[in-house]
Amino acid sequence: MALPIFFSLLSGLGLSGISMILRDRGKREVLPMSLSTAINETALASKKLPDGFKTGLWEYIKDFAVAVISGFVLSSFIAGLVGLLWPGARWAIFFVVFLIWGGIGIGVIFQDLAARQSSL
């Protein structure tokens, strides 16, 4: 179980890095960030792109893939901790935490799409 978690974490970090590199192409300045700038940088990429859904869709898909992989890693970690105390519930806890993570992610998608529709 440790090897799939390691590869999931590694691919999630790699995809996140690739997403940031592609999003910030051409920007060469390296300055310390304020807290508000850091919050804006970590927001969903599709909310930061004003030039339409087509450009933001690819960024949105990459951000969502990173979120799903992160949810898999978080669910595995929590299930592993619970499995130390109650081994029979390990998989049930994994699926419950992963479904909650996915439900929150789908809620964010619907909020973003509703905000897009109201801004058009």
PDB file of N, CA and C in Angstrom:
ATOM      1  N   MET A   1       0.823  -1.197   0.000  1.00  0.00           N
ATOM      2  CA  MET A   1       0.000   0.000   0.000  1.00  0.00           C
ATOM      3  C   MET A   1       0.866   1.259   0.000  1.00  0.00           C
ATOM      4  N   ALA A   2       2.087   1.158   0.519  1.00  0.00           N
ATOM      5  CA  ALA A   2       2.936   2.343   0.601  1.00  0.00           C
ATOM      6  C   ALA A   2       3.424   2.799  -0.775  1.00  0.00           C
ATOM      7  N   LEU A   3       3.698   1.879  -1.674  1.00  0.00           N
ATOM      8  CA  LEU A   3       4.204   2.249  -2.990  1.00  0.00           C
ATOM      9  C   LEU A   3       3.167   3.009  -3.826  1.00  0.00           C
ATOM     10  N   PRO A   4       1.885   2.572  -3.883  1.00  0.00           N
ATOM     11  CA  PRO A   4       0.905   3.379  -4.622  1.00  0.00           C
ATOM     12  C   PRO A   4       0.700   4.764  -4.016  1.00  0.00           C
ATOM     13  N   ILE A   5       0.760   4.865  -2.685  1.00  0.00           N
ATOM     14  CA  ILE A   5       0.615   6.170  -2.050  1.00  0.00           C
ATOM     15  C   ILE A   5       1.795   7.064  -2.409  1.00  0.00           C
ATOM     16  N   PHE A   6       2.990   6.495  -2.403  1.00  0.00           N
ATOM     17  CA  PHE A   6       4.177   7.270  -2.767  1.00  0.00           C
ATOM     18  C   PHE A   6       4.063   7.786  -4.196  1.00  0.00           C
ATOM     19  N   PHE A   7       3.670   6.921  -5.136  1.00  0.00           N
ATOM     20  CA  PHE A   7       3.552   7.351  -6.522  1.00  0.00           C
ATOM     21  C   PHE A   7       2.411   8.347  -6.705  1.00  0.00           C
ATOM     22  N   SER A   8       1.330   8.197  -5.941  1.00  0.00           N
ATOM     23  CA  SER A   8       0.241   9.172  -6.011  1.00  0.00           C
ATOM     24  C   SER A   8       0.693  10.530  -5.517  1.00  0.00           C
ATOM     25  N   LEU A   9       1.418  10.543  -4.410  1.00  0.00           N
ATOM     26  CA  LEU A   9       1.929  11.800  -3.879  1.00  0.00           C
ATOM     27  C   LEU A   9       2.929  12.428  -4.849  1.00  0.00           C
ATOM     28  N   LEU A  10       3.794  11.617  -5.394  1.00  0.00           N
ATOM     29  CA  LEU A  10       4.792  12.109  -6.342  1.00  0.00           C
ATOM     30  C   LEU A  10       4.131  12.664  -7.607  1.00  0.00           C
ATOM     31  N   SER A  11       3.138  11.958  -8.136  1.00  0.00           N
ATOM     32  CA  SER A  11       2.472  12.451  -9.345  1.00  0.00           C
ATOM     33  C   SER A  11       1.631  13.686  -9.051  1.00  0.00           C
ATOM     34  N   GLY A  12       1.027  13.764  -7.863  1.00  0.00           N
ATOM     35  CA  GLY A  12       0.271  14.959  -7.495  1.00  0.00           C
ATOM     36  C   GLY A  12       1.160  16.184  -7.396  1.00  0.00           C
ATOM     37  N   LEU A  13       2.318  16.018  -6.749  1.00  0.00           N
ATOM     38  CA  LEU A  13       3.251  17.139  -6.657  1.00  0.00           C
ATOM     39  C   LEU A  13       3.801  17.512  -8.028  1.00  0.00           C
ATOM     40  N   GLY A  14       4.087  16.516  -8.848  1.00  0.00           N
ATOM     41  CA  GLY A  14       4.589  16.797 -10.191  1.00  0.00           C
ATOM     42  C   GLY A  14       3.567  17.516 -11.048  1.00  0.00           C
ATOM     43  N   LEU A  15       2.317  17.067 -11.004  1.00  0.00           N
ATOM     44  CA  LEU A  15       1.262  17.710 -11.792  1.00  0.00           C
ATOM     45  C   LEU A  15       1.005  19.126 -11.305  1.00  0.00           C
ATOM     46  N   SER A  16       1.078  19.337 -10.004  1.00  0.00           N
ATOM     47  CA  SER A  16       0.906  20.680  -9.456  1.00  0.00           C
ATOM     48  C   SER A  16       2.027  21.599  -9.932  1.00  0.00           C
ATOM     49  N   GLY A  17       3.248  21.101  -9.914  1.00  0.00           N
ATOM     50  CA  GLY A  17       4.373  21.901 -10.382  1.00  0.00           C
ATOM     51  C   GLY A  17       4.281  22.222 -11.856  1.00  0.00           C
ATOM     52  N   ILE A  18       3.899  21.234 -12.661  1.00  0.00           N
ATOM     53  CA  ILE A  18       3.744  21.463 -14.101  1.00  0.00           C
ATOM     54  C   ILE A  18       2.648  22.484 -14.366  1.00  0.00           C
ATOM     55  N   SER A  19       1.563  22.400 -13.611  1.00  0.00           N
ATOM     56  CA  SER A  19       0.465  23.349 -13.767  1.00  0.00           C
ATOM     57  C   SER A  19       0.929  24.771 -13.470  1.00  0.00           C
ATOM     58  N   MET A  20       1.703  24.940 -12.404  1.00  0.00           N
ATOM     59  CA  MET A  20       2.199  26.277 -12.072  1.00  0.00           C
ATOM     60  C   MET A  20       3.207  26.771 -13.105  1.00  0.00           C
ATOM     61  N   ILE A  21       4.057  25.890 -13.602  1.00  0.00           N
ATOM     62  CA  ILE A  21       5.038  26.294 -14.611  1.00  0.00           C
ATOM     63  C   ILE A  21       4.337  26.748 -15.877  1.00  0.00           C
ATOM     64  N   LEU A  22       3.337  26.002 -16.326  1.00  0.00           N
ATOM     65  CA  LEU A  22       2.624  26.378 -17.547  1.00  0.00           C
ATOM     66  C   LEU A  22       1.807  27.651 -17.360  1.00  0.00           C
ATOM     67  N   ARG A  23       1.250  27.830 -16.159  1.00  0.00           N
ATOM     68  CA  ARG A  23       0.438  29.014 -15.902  1.00  0.00           C
ATOM     69  C   ARG A  23       1.301  30.271 -15.837  1.00  0.00           C
ATOM     70  N   ASP A  24       2.518  30.157 -15.321  1.00  0.00           N
ATOM     71  CA  ASP A  24       3.369  31.321 -15.121  1.00  0.00           C
ATOM     72  C   ASP A  24       4.427  31.467 -16.204  1.00  0.00           C
ATOM     73  N   ARG A  25       4.189  30.909 -17.369  1.00  0.00           N
ATOM     74  CA  ARG A  25       5.145  31.022 -18.468  1.00  0.00           C
ATOM     75  C   ARG A  25       5.396  32.481 -18.821  1.00  0.00           C
ATOM     76  N   GLY A  26       6.656  32.839 -18.939  1.00  0.00           N
ATOM     77  CA  GLY A  26       7.008  34.195 -19.331  1.00  0.00           C
ATOM     78  C   GLY A  26       7.184  35.151 -18.174  1.00  0.00           C
ATOM     79  N   LYS A  27       6.807  34.781 -16.978  1.00  0.00           N
ATOM     80  CA  LYS A  27       6.979  35.645 -15.813  1.00  0.00           C
ATOM     81  C   LYS A  27       8.314  35.306 -15.173  1.00  0.00           C
ATOM     82  N   ARG A  28       9.209  36.250 -15.111  1.00  0.00           N
ATOM     83  CA  ARG A  28      10.557  35.983 -14.625  1.00  0.00           C
ATOM     84  C   ARG A  28      10.842  36.611 -13.262  1.00  0.00           C
ATOM     85  N   GLU A  29       9.976  37.442 -12.730  1.00  0.00           N
ATOM     86  CA  GLU A  29      10.280  38.106 -11.474  1.00  0.00           C
ATOM     87  C   GLU A  29      10.129  37.136 -10.301  1.00  0.00           C
ATOM     88  N   VAL A  30      11.034  37.219  -9.377  1.00  0.00           N
ATOM     89  CA  VAL A  30      10.993  36.405  -8.174  1.00  0.00           C
ATOM     90  C   VAL A  30      10.997  37.370  -6.992  1.00  0.00           C
ATOM     91  N   LEU A  31       9.849  37.579  -6.400  1.00  0.00           N
ATOM     92  CA  LEU A  31       9.701  38.513  -5.291  1.00  0.00           C
ATOM     93  C   LEU A  31       9.045  37.805  -4.118  1.00  0.00           C
ATOM     94  N   PRO A  32       9.334  38.223  -2.893  1.00  0.00           N
ATOM     95  CA  PRO A  32       8.621  37.649  -1.748  1.00  0.00           C
ATOM     96  C   PRO A  32       7.140  38.005  -1.829  1.00  0.00           C
ATOM     97  N   MET A  33       6.293  37.061  -1.435  1.00  0.00           N
ATOM     98  CA  MET A  33       4.851  37.267  -1.537  1.00  0.00           C
ATOM     99  C   MET A  33       4.269  37.738  -0.216  1.00  0.00           C
ATOM    100  N   SER A  34       3.265  38.589  -0.319  1.00  0.00           N
ATOM    101  CA  SER A  34       2.476  38.919   0.860  1.00  0.00           C
ATOM    102  C   SER A  34       1.438  37.818   1.049  1.00  0.00           C
ATOM    103  N   LEU A  35       0.738  37.843   2.171  1.00  0.00           N
ATOM    104  CA  LEU A  35      -0.259  36.810   2.430  1.00  0.00           C
ATOM    105  C   LEU A  35      -1.396  36.865   1.416  1.00  0.00           C
ATOM    106  N   SER A  36      -1.848  38.062   1.056  1.00  0.00           N
ATOM    107  CA  SER A  36      -2.948  38.175   0.085  1.00  0.00           C
ATOM    108  C   SER A  36      -2.523  37.680  -1.295  1.00  0.00           C
ATOM    109  N   THR A  37      -1.269  37.930  -1.678  1.00  0.00           N
ATOM    110  CA  THR A  37      -0.766  37.432  -2.953  1.00  0.00           C
ATOM    111  C   THR A  37      -0.684  35.915  -2.943  1.00  0.00           C
ATOM    112  N   ALA A  38      -0.251  35.346  -1.818  1.00  0.00           N
ATOM    113  CA  ALA A  38      -0.169  33.890  -1.713  1.00  0.00           C
ATOM    114  C   ALA A  38      -1.556  33.260  -1.791  1.00  0.00           C
ATOM    115  N   ILE A  39      -2.546  33.884  -1.187  1.00  0.00           N
ATOM    116  CA  ILE A  39      -3.915  33.359  -1.265  1.00  0.00           C
ATOM    117  C   ILE A  39      -4.418  33.419  -2.696  1.00  0.00           C
ATOM    118  N   ASN A  40      -4.130  34.511  -3.411  1.00  0.00           N
ATOM    119  CA  ASN A  40      -4.539  34.617  -4.813  1.00  0.00           C
ATOM    120  C   ASN A  40      -3.832  33.597  -5.688  1.00  0.00           C
ATOM    121  N   GLU A  41      -2.566  33.303  -5.399  1.00  0.00           N
ATOM    122  CA  GLU A  41      -1.818  32.329  -6.187  1.00  0.00           C
ATOM    123  C   GLU A  41      -2.341  30.915  -5.983  1.00  0.00           C
ATOM    124  N   THR A  42      -2.851  30.612  -4.805  1.00  0.00           N
ATOM    125  CA  THR A  42      -3.327  29.264  -4.535  1.00  0.00           C
ATOM    126  C   THR A  42      -4.801  29.086  -4.868  1.00  0.00           C
ATOM    127  N   ALA A  43      -5.468  30.128  -5.329  1.00  0.00           N
ATOM    128  CA  ALA A  43      -6.863  29.998  -5.738  1.00  0.00           C
ATOM    129  C   ALA A  43      -6.934  29.142  -6.993  1.00  0.00           C
ATOM    130  N   LEU A  44      -8.122  28.652  -7.298  1.00  0.00           N
ATOM    131  CA  LEU A  44      -8.280  27.859  -8.520  1.00  0.00           C
ATOM    132  C   LEU A  44      -7.883  28.697  -9.730  1.00  0.00           C
ATOM    133  N   ALA A  45      -7.148  28.104 -10.628  1.00  0.00           N
ATOM    134  CA  ALA A  45      -6.623  28.830 -11.784  1.00  0.00           C
ATOM    135  C   ALA A  45      -7.754  29.349 -12.661  1.00  0.00           C
ATOM    136  N   SER A  46      -8.866  28.636 -12.736  1.00  0.00           N
ATOM    137  CA  SER A  46      -9.951  29.069 -13.607  1.00  0.00           C
ATOM    138  C   SER A  46     -10.604  30.348 -13.107  1.00  0.00           C
ATOM    139  N   LYS A  47     -10.508  30.633 -11.812  1.00  0.00           N
ATOM    140  CA  LYS A  47     -11.076  31.874 -11.293  1.00  0.00           C
ATOM    141  C   LYS A  47     -10.189  33.067 -11.620  1.00  0.00           C
ATOM    142  N   LYS A  48      -8.908  32.810 -11.891  1.00  0.00           N
ATOM    143  CA  LYS A  48      -7.982  33.897 -12.150  1.00  0.00           C
ATOM    144  C   LYS A  48      -7.898  34.252 -13.626  1.00  0.00           C
ATOM    145  N   LEU A  49      -8.447  33.457 -14.495  1.00  0.00           N
ATOM    146  CA  LEU A  49      -8.328  33.709 -15.927  1.00  0.00           C
ATOM    147  C   LEU A  49      -9.589  34.388 -16.442  1.00  0.00           C
ATOM    148  N   PRO A  50      -9.512  35.669 -16.808  1.00  0.00           N
ATOM    149  CA  PRO A  50     -10.708  36.383 -17.243  1.00  0.00           C
ATOM    150  C   PRO A  50     -11.068  36.160 -18.704  1.00  0.00           C
ATOM    151  N   ASP A  51     -10.224  35.496 -19.480  1.00  0.00           N
ATOM    152  CA  ASP A  51     -10.445  35.444 -20.922  1.00  0.00           C
ATOM    153  C   ASP A  51     -11.268  34.246 -21.383  1.00  0.00           C
ATOM    154  N   GLY A  52     -12.148  33.760 -20.562  1.00  0.00           N
ATOM    155  CA  GLY A  52     -13.094  32.761 -21.032  1.00  0.00           C
ATOM    156  C   GLY A  52     -12.884  31.369 -20.490  1.00  0.00           C
ATOM    157  N   PHE A  53     -13.905  30.549 -20.691  1.00  0.00           N
ATOM    158  CA  PHE A  53     -13.927  29.193 -20.138  1.00  0.00           C
ATOM    159  C   PHE A  53     -12.959  28.276 -20.864  1.00  0.00           C
ATOM    160  N   LYS A  54     -12.710  28.536 -22.137  1.00  0.00           N
ATOM    161  CA  LYS A  54     -11.858  27.656 -22.921  1.00  0.00           C
ATOM    162  C   LYS A  54     -10.428  27.623 -22.377  1.00  0.00           C
ATOM    163  N   THR A  55      -9.890  28.758 -22.059  1.00  0.00           N
ATOM    164  CA  THR A  55      -8.535  28.815 -21.525  1.00  0.00           C
ATOM    165  C   THR A  55      -8.501  28.271 -20.113  1.00  0.00           C
ATOM    166  N   GLY A  56      -9.502  28.598 -19.321  1.00  0.00           N
ATOM    167  CA  GLY A  56      -9.531  28.178 -17.933  1.00  0.00           C
ATOM    168  C   GLY A  56      -9.858  26.706 -17.751  1.00  0.00           C
ATOM    169  N   LEU A  57     -10.433  26.074 -18.746  1.00  0.00           N
ATOM    170  CA  LEU A  57     -10.829  24.674 -18.597  1.00  0.00           C
ATOM    171  C   LEU A  57      -9.617  23.774 -18.407  1.00  0.00           C
ATOM    172  N   TRP A  58      -8.564  23.952 -19.185  1.00  0.00           N
ATOM    173  CA  TRP A  58      -7.376  23.110 -19.052  1.00  0.00           C
ATOM    174  C   TRP A  58      -6.728  23.316 -17.687  1.00  0.00           C
ATOM    175  N   GLU A  59      -6.644  24.564 -17.243  1.00  0.00           N
ATOM    176  CA  GLU A  59      -6.098  24.850 -15.913  1.00  0.00           C
ATOM    177  C   GLU A  59      -6.986  24.226 -14.838  1.00  0.00           C
ATOM    178  N   TYR A  60      -8.267  24.304 -15.040  1.00  0.00           N
ATOM    179  CA  TYR A  60      -9.220  23.762 -14.070  1.00  0.00           C
ATOM    180  C   TYR A  60      -9.091  22.240 -13.977  1.00  0.00           C
ATOM    181  N   ILE A  61      -8.928  21.577 -15.100  1.00  0.00           N
ATOM    182  CA  ILE A  61      -8.785  20.119 -15.113  1.00  0.00           C
ATOM    183  C   ILE A  61      -7.503  19.708 -14.395  1.00  0.00           C
ATOM    184  N   LYS A  62      -6.406  20.431 -14.634  1.00  0.00           N
ATOM    185  CA  LYS A  62      -5.153  20.107 -13.938  1.00  0.00           C
ATOM    186  C   LYS A  62      -5.283  20.325 -12.440  1.00  0.00           C
ATOM    187  N   ASP A  63      -5.924  21.418 -12.024  1.00  0.00           N
ATOM    188  CA  ASP A  63      -6.112  21.664 -10.597  1.00  0.00           C
ATOM    189  C   ASP A  63      -6.997  20.594  -9.963  1.00  0.00           C
ATOM    190  N   PHE A  64      -8.024  20.161 -10.681  1.00  0.00           N
ATOM    191  CA  PHE A  64      -8.907  19.142 -10.138  1.00  0.00           C
ATOM    192  C   PHE A  64      -8.203  17.791 -10.040  1.00  0.00           C
ATOM    193  N   ALA A  65      -7.334  17.483 -11.010  1.00  0.00           N
ATOM    194  CA  ALA A  65      -6.572  16.233 -10.935  1.00  0.00           C
ATOM    195  C   ALA A  65      -5.636  16.234  -9.738  1.00  0.00           C
ATOM    196  N   VAL A  66      -5.004  17.368  -9.467  1.00  0.00           N
ATOM    197  CA  VAL A  66      -4.146  17.482  -8.274  1.00  0.00           C
ATOM    198  C   VAL A  66      -4.984  17.299  -7.014  1.00  0.00           C
ATOM    199  N   ALA A  67      -6.176  17.870  -6.993  1.00  0.00           N
ATOM    200  CA  ALA A  67      -7.046  17.743  -5.819  1.00  0.00           C
ATOM    201  C   ALA A  67      -7.472  16.290  -5.600  1.00  0.00           C
ATOM    202  N   VAL A  68      -7.782  15.564  -6.663  1.00  0.00           N
ATOM    203  CA  VAL A  68      -8.183  14.164  -6.528  1.00  0.00           C
ATOM    204  C   VAL A  68      -7.024  13.320  -6.002  1.00  0.00           C
ATOM    205  N   ILE A  69      -5.837  13.540  -6.537  1.00  0.00           N
ATOM    206  CA  ILE A  69      -4.673  12.784  -6.065  1.00  0.00           C
ATOM    207  C   ILE A  69      -4.375  13.123  -4.612  1.00  0.00           C
ATOM    208  N   SER A  70      -4.505  14.405  -4.247  1.00  0.00           N
ATOM    209  CA  SER A  70      -4.289  14.796  -2.852  1.00  0.00           C
ATOM    210  C   SER A  70      -5.330  14.160  -1.937  1.00  0.00           C
ATOM    211  N   GLY A  71      -6.553  14.053  -2.410  1.00  0.00           N
ATOM    212  CA  GLY A  71      -7.597  13.390  -1.627  1.00  0.00           C
ATOM    213  C   GLY A  71      -7.307  11.919  -1.424  1.00  0.00           C
ATOM    214  N   PHE A  72      -6.737  11.281  -2.436  1.00  0.00           N
ATOM    215  CA  PHE A  72      -6.356   9.875  -2.318  1.00  0.00           C
ATOM    216  C   PHE A  72      -5.273   9.696  -1.253  1.00  0.00           C
ATOM    217  N   VAL A  73      -4.290  10.589  -1.265  1.00  0.00           N
ATOM    218  CA  VAL A  73      -3.204  10.508  -0.286  1.00  0.00           C
ATOM    219  C   VAL A  73      -3.737  10.785   1.113  1.00  0.00           C
ATOM    220  N   LEU A  74      -4.565  11.818   1.263  1.00  0.00           N
ATOM    221  CA  LEU A  74      -5.133  12.141   2.575  1.00  0.00           C
ATOM    222  C   LEU A  74      -6.010  11.012   3.095  1.00  0.00           C
ATOM    223  N   SER A  75      -6.833  10.437   2.234  1.00  0.00           N
ATOM    224  CA  SER A  75      -7.698   9.329   2.643  1.00  0.00           C
ATOM    225  C   SER A  75      -6.881   8.123   3.078  1.00  0.00           C
ATOM    226  N   SER A  76      -5.823   7.846   2.361  1.00  0.00           N
ATOM    227  CA  SER A  76      -4.962   6.715   2.727  1.00  0.00           C
ATOM    228  C   SER A  76      -4.279   6.950   4.068  1.00  0.00           C
ATOM    229  N   PHE A  77      -3.851   8.173   4.305  1.00  0.00           N
ATOM    230  CA  PHE A  77      -3.201   8.496   5.570  1.00  0.00           C
ATOM    231  C   PHE A  77      -4.166   8.335   6.740  1.00  0.00           C
ATOM    232  N   ILE A  78      -5.369   8.880   6.601  1.00  0.00           N
ATOM    233  CA  ILE A  78      -6.358   8.774   7.681  1.00  0.00           C
ATOM    234  C   ILE A  78      -6.776   7.326   7.875  1.00  0.00           C
ATOM    235  N   ALA A  79      -6.977   6.592   6.784  1.00  0.00           N
ATOM    236  CA  ALA A  79      -7.351   5.180   6.895  1.00  0.00           C
ATOM    237  C   ALA A  79      -6.235   4.370   7.552  1.00  0.00           C
ATOM    238  N   GLY A  80      -4.986   4.710   7.263  1.00  0.00           N
ATOM    239  CA  GLY A  80      -3.871   4.024   7.893  1.00  0.00           C
ATOM    240  C   GLY A  80      -3.812   4.277   9.380  1.00  0.00           C
ATOM    241  N   LEU A  81      -4.094   5.514   9.788  1.00  0.00           N
ATOM    242  CA  LEU A  81      -4.112   5.820  11.213  1.00  0.00           C
ATOM    243  C   LEU A  81      -5.241   5.080  11.932  1.00  0.00           C
ATOM    244  N   VAL A  82      -6.416   5.073  11.312  1.00  0.00           N
ATOM    245  CA  VAL A  82      -7.547   4.353  11.913  1.00  0.00           C
ATOM    246  C   VAL A  82      -7.266   2.851  11.905  1.00  0.00           C
ATOM    247  N   GLY A  83      -6.593   2.365  10.862  1.00  0.00           N
ATOM    248  CA  GLY A  83      -6.273   0.950  10.757  1.00  0.00           C
ATOM    249  C   GLY A  83      -5.334   0.461  11.845  1.00  0.00           C
ATOM    250  N   LEU A  84      -4.562   1.359  12.426  1.00  0.00           N
ATOM    251  CA  LEU A  84      -3.708   0.961  13.548  1.00  0.00           C
ATOM    252  C   LEU A  84      -4.540   0.564  14.760  1.00  0.00           C
ATOM    253  N   LEU A  85      -5.657   1.247  14.949  1.00  0.00           N
ATOM    254  CA  LEU A  85      -6.519   0.963  16.102  1.00  0.00           C
ATOM    255  C   LEU A  85      -7.618  -0.044  15.786  1.00  0.00           C
ATOM    256  N   TRP A  86      -8.121   0.011  14.557  1.00  0.00           N
ATOM    257  CA  TRP A  86      -9.266  -0.816  14.165  1.00  0.00           C
ATOM    258  C   TRP A  86      -9.022  -1.301  12.729  1.00  0.00           C
ATOM    259  N   PRO A  87      -8.272  -2.398  12.563  1.00  0.00           N
ATOM    260  CA  PRO A  87      -7.860  -2.837  11.219  1.00  0.00           C
ATOM    261  C   PRO A  87      -9.016  -3.173  10.278  1.00  0.00           C
ATOM    262  N   GLY A  88     -10.134  -3.619  10.811  1.00  0.00           N
ATOM    263  CA  GLY A  88     -11.245  -4.002   9.947  1.00  0.00           C
ATOM    264  C   GLY A  88     -11.927  -2.831   9.267  1.00  0.00           C
ATOM    265  N   ALA A  89     -11.743  -1.635   9.797  1.00  0.00           N
ATOM    266  CA  ALA A  89     -12.436  -0.466   9.251  1.00  0.00           C
ATOM    267  C   ALA A  89     -11.566   0.346   8.310  1.00  0.00           C
ATOM    268  N   ARG A  90     -10.388  -0.141   7.999  1.00  0.00           N
ATOM    269  CA  ARG A  90      -9.446   0.640   7.195  1.00  0.00           C
ATOM    270  C   ARG A  90     -10.024   1.034   5.841  1.00  0.00           C
ATOM    271  N   TRP A  91     -10.567   0.079   5.101  1.00  0.00           N
ATOM    272  CA  TRP A  91     -11.081   0.385   3.758  1.00  0.00           C
ATOM    273  C   TRP A  91     -12.361   1.209   3.808  1.00  0.00           C
ATOM    274  N   ALA A  92     -13.201   0.935   4.801  1.00  0.00           N
ATOM    275  CA  ALA A  92     -14.426   1.731   4.928  1.00  0.00           C
ATOM    276  C   ALA A  92     -14.091   3.197   5.198  1.00  0.00           C
ATOM    277  N   ILE A  93     -13.138   3.431   6.085  1.00  0.00           N
ATOM    278  CA  ILE A  93     -12.725   4.804   6.381  1.00  0.00           C
ATOM    279  C   ILE A  93     -12.107   5.452   5.150  1.00  0.00           C
ATOM    280  N   PHE A  94     -11.302   4.693   4.408  1.00  0.00           N
ATOM    281  CA  PHE A  94     -10.708   5.229   3.190  1.00  0.00           C
ATOM    282  C   PHE A  94     -11.789   5.720   2.232  1.00  0.00           C
ATOM    283  N   PHE A  95     -12.800   4.875   1.969  1.00  0.00           N
ATOM    284  CA  PHE A  95     -13.840   5.265   1.014  1.00  0.00           C
ATOM    285  C   PHE A  95     -14.693   6.412   1.535  1.00  0.00           C
ATOM    286  N   VAL A  96     -14.976   6.434   2.824  1.00  0.00           N
ATOM    287  CA  VAL A  96     -15.791   7.521   3.381  1.00  0.00           C
ATOM    288  C   VAL A  96     -15.047   8.854   3.261  1.00  0.00           C
ATOM    289  N   VAL A  97     -13.778   8.878   3.658  1.00  0.00           N
ATOM    290  CA  VAL A  97     -13.009  10.128   3.579  1.00  0.00           C
ATOM    291  C   VAL A  97     -12.838  10.559   2.126  1.00  0.00           C
ATOM    292  N   PHE A  98     -12.580   9.608   1.226  1.00  0.00           N
ATOM    293  CA  PHE A  98     -12.404   9.954  -0.179  1.00  0.00           C
ATOM    294  C   PHE A  98     -13.708  10.473  -0.782  1.00  0.00           C
ATOM    295  N   LEU A  99     -14.837   9.892  -0.414  1.00  0.00           N
ATOM    296  CA  LEU A  99     -16.130  10.382  -0.914  1.00  0.00           C
ATOM    297  C   LEU A  99     -16.449  11.767  -0.367  1.00  0.00           C
ATOM    298  N   ILE A 100     -16.117  12.025   0.894  1.00  0.00           N
ATOM    299  CA  ILE A 100     -16.330  13.363   1.447  1.00  0.00           C
ATOM    300  C   ILE A 100     -15.452  14.375   0.707  1.00  0.00           C
ATOM    301  N   TRP A 101     -14.191  14.003   0.479  1.00  0.00           N
ATOM    302  CA  TRP A 101     -13.274  14.864  -0.276  1.00  0.00           C
ATOM    303  C   TRP A 101     -13.828  15.128  -1.678  1.00  0.00           C
ATOM    304  N   GLY A 102     -14.311  14.086  -2.335  1.00  0.00           N
ATOM    305  CA  GLY A 102     -14.880  14.252  -3.673  1.00  0.00           C
ATOM    306  C   GLY A 102     -16.141  15.088  -3.667  1.00  0.00           C
ATOM    307  N   GLY A 103     -16.983  14.913  -2.641  1.00  0.00           N
ATOM    308  CA  GLY A 103     -18.204  15.714  -2.538  1.00  0.00           C
ATOM    309  C   GLY A 103     -17.899  17.193  -2.371  1.00  0.00           C
ATOM    310  N   ILE A 104     -16.904  17.506  -1.567  1.00  0.00           N
ATOM    311  CA  ILE A 104     -16.495  18.903  -1.408  1.00  0.00           C
ATOM    312  C   ILE A 104     -15.951  19.439  -2.724  1.00  0.00           C
ATOM    313  N   GLY A 105     -15.155  18.621  -3.426  1.00  0.00           N
ATOM    314  CA  GLY A 105     -14.619  19.043  -4.723  1.00  0.00           C
ATOM    315  C   GLY A 105     -15.711  19.301  -5.745  1.00  0.00           C
ATOM    316  N   ILE A 106     -16.712  18.440  -5.792  1.00  0.00           N
ATOM    317  CA  ILE A 106     -17.822  18.641  -6.733  1.00  0.00           C
ATOM    318  C   ILE A 106     -18.620  19.882  -6.362  1.00  0.00           C
ATOM    319  N   GLY A 107     -18.770  20.128  -5.062  1.00  0.00           N
ATOM    320  CA  GLY A 107     -19.443  21.354  -4.618  1.00  0.00           C
ATOM    321  C   GLY A 107     -18.706  22.600  -5.074  1.00  0.00           C
ATOM    322  N   VAL A 108     -17.382  22.574  -5.009  1.00  0.00           N
ATOM    323  CA  VAL A 108     -16.582  23.712  -5.469  1.00  0.00           C
ATOM    324  C   VAL A 108     -16.742  23.894  -6.976  1.00  0.00           C
ATOM    325  N   ILE A 109     -16.794  22.795  -7.721  1.00  0.00           N
ATOM    326  CA  ILE A 109     -16.989  22.890  -9.170  1.00  0.00           C
ATOM    327  C   ILE A 109     -18.323  23.542  -9.493  1.00  0.00           C
ATOM    328  N   PHE A 110     -19.390  23.111  -8.821  1.00  0.00           N
ATOM    329  CA  PHE A 110     -20.700  23.694  -9.099  1.00  0.00           C
ATOM    330  C   PHE A 110     -20.763  25.166  -8.701  1.00  0.00           C
ATOM    331  N   GLN A 111     -20.107  25.543  -7.607  1.00  0.00           N
ATOM    332  CA  GLN A 111     -20.060  26.953  -7.228  1.00  0.00           C
ATOM    333  C   GLN A 111     -19.316  27.766  -8.274  1.00  0.00           C
ATOM    334  N   ASP A 112     -18.224  27.231  -8.771  1.00  0.00           N
ATOM    335  CA  ASP A 112     -17.447  27.936  -9.787  1.00  0.00           C
ATOM    336  C   ASP A 112     -18.240  28.080 -11.079  1.00  0.00           C
ATOM    337  N   LEU A 113     -18.921  27.018 -11.489  1.00  0.00           N
ATOM    338  CA  LEU A 113     -19.728  27.098 -12.707  1.00  0.00           C
ATOM    339  C   LEU A 113     -20.894  28.073 -12.544  1.00  0.00           C
ATOM    340  N   ALA A 114     -21.509  28.101 -11.364  1.00  0.00           N
ATOM    341  CA  ALA A 114     -22.593  29.054 -11.119  1.00  0.00           C
ATOM    342  C   ALA A 114     -22.079  30.485 -11.152  1.00  0.00           C
ATOM    343  N   ALA A 115     -20.884  30.706 -10.599  1.00  0.00           N
ATOM    344  CA  ALA A 115     -20.290  32.044 -10.637  1.00  0.00           C
ATOM    345  C   ALA A 115     -19.965  32.444 -12.073  1.00  0.00           C
ATOM    346  N   ARG A 116     -19.514  31.484 -12.878  1.00  0.00           N
ATOM    347  CA  ARG A 116     -19.230  31.771 -14.290  1.00  0.00           C
ATOM    348  C   ARG A 116     -20.507  32.155 -15.033  1.00  0.00           C
ATOM    349  N   GLN A 117     -21.583  31.416 -14.784  1.00  0.00           N
ATOM    350  CA  GLN A 117     -22.837  31.678 -15.484  1.00  0.00           C
ATOM    351  C   GLN A 117     -23.406  33.056 -15.093  1.00  0.00           C
ATOM    352  N   SER A 118     -23.249  33.404 -13.820  1.00  0.00           N
ATOM    353  CA  SER A 118     -23.791  34.699 -13.379  1.00  0.00           C
ATOM    354  C   SER A 118     -22.944  35.860 -13.867  1.00  0.00           C
ATOM    355  N   SER A 119     -21.650  35.616 -14.145  1.00  0.00           N
ATOM    356  CA  SER A 119     -20.799  36.710 -14.625  1.00  0.00           C
ATOM    357  C   SER A 119     -20.921  36.922 -16.132  1.00  0.00           C
ATOM    358  N   LEU A 120     -21.501  35.988 -16.856  1.00  0.00           N
ATOM    359  CA  LEU A 120     -21.629  36.142 -18.309  1.00  0.00           C
ATOM    360  C   LEU A 120     -22.791  36.999 -18.695  1.00  0.00           C
TER     361      LEU A 120
END
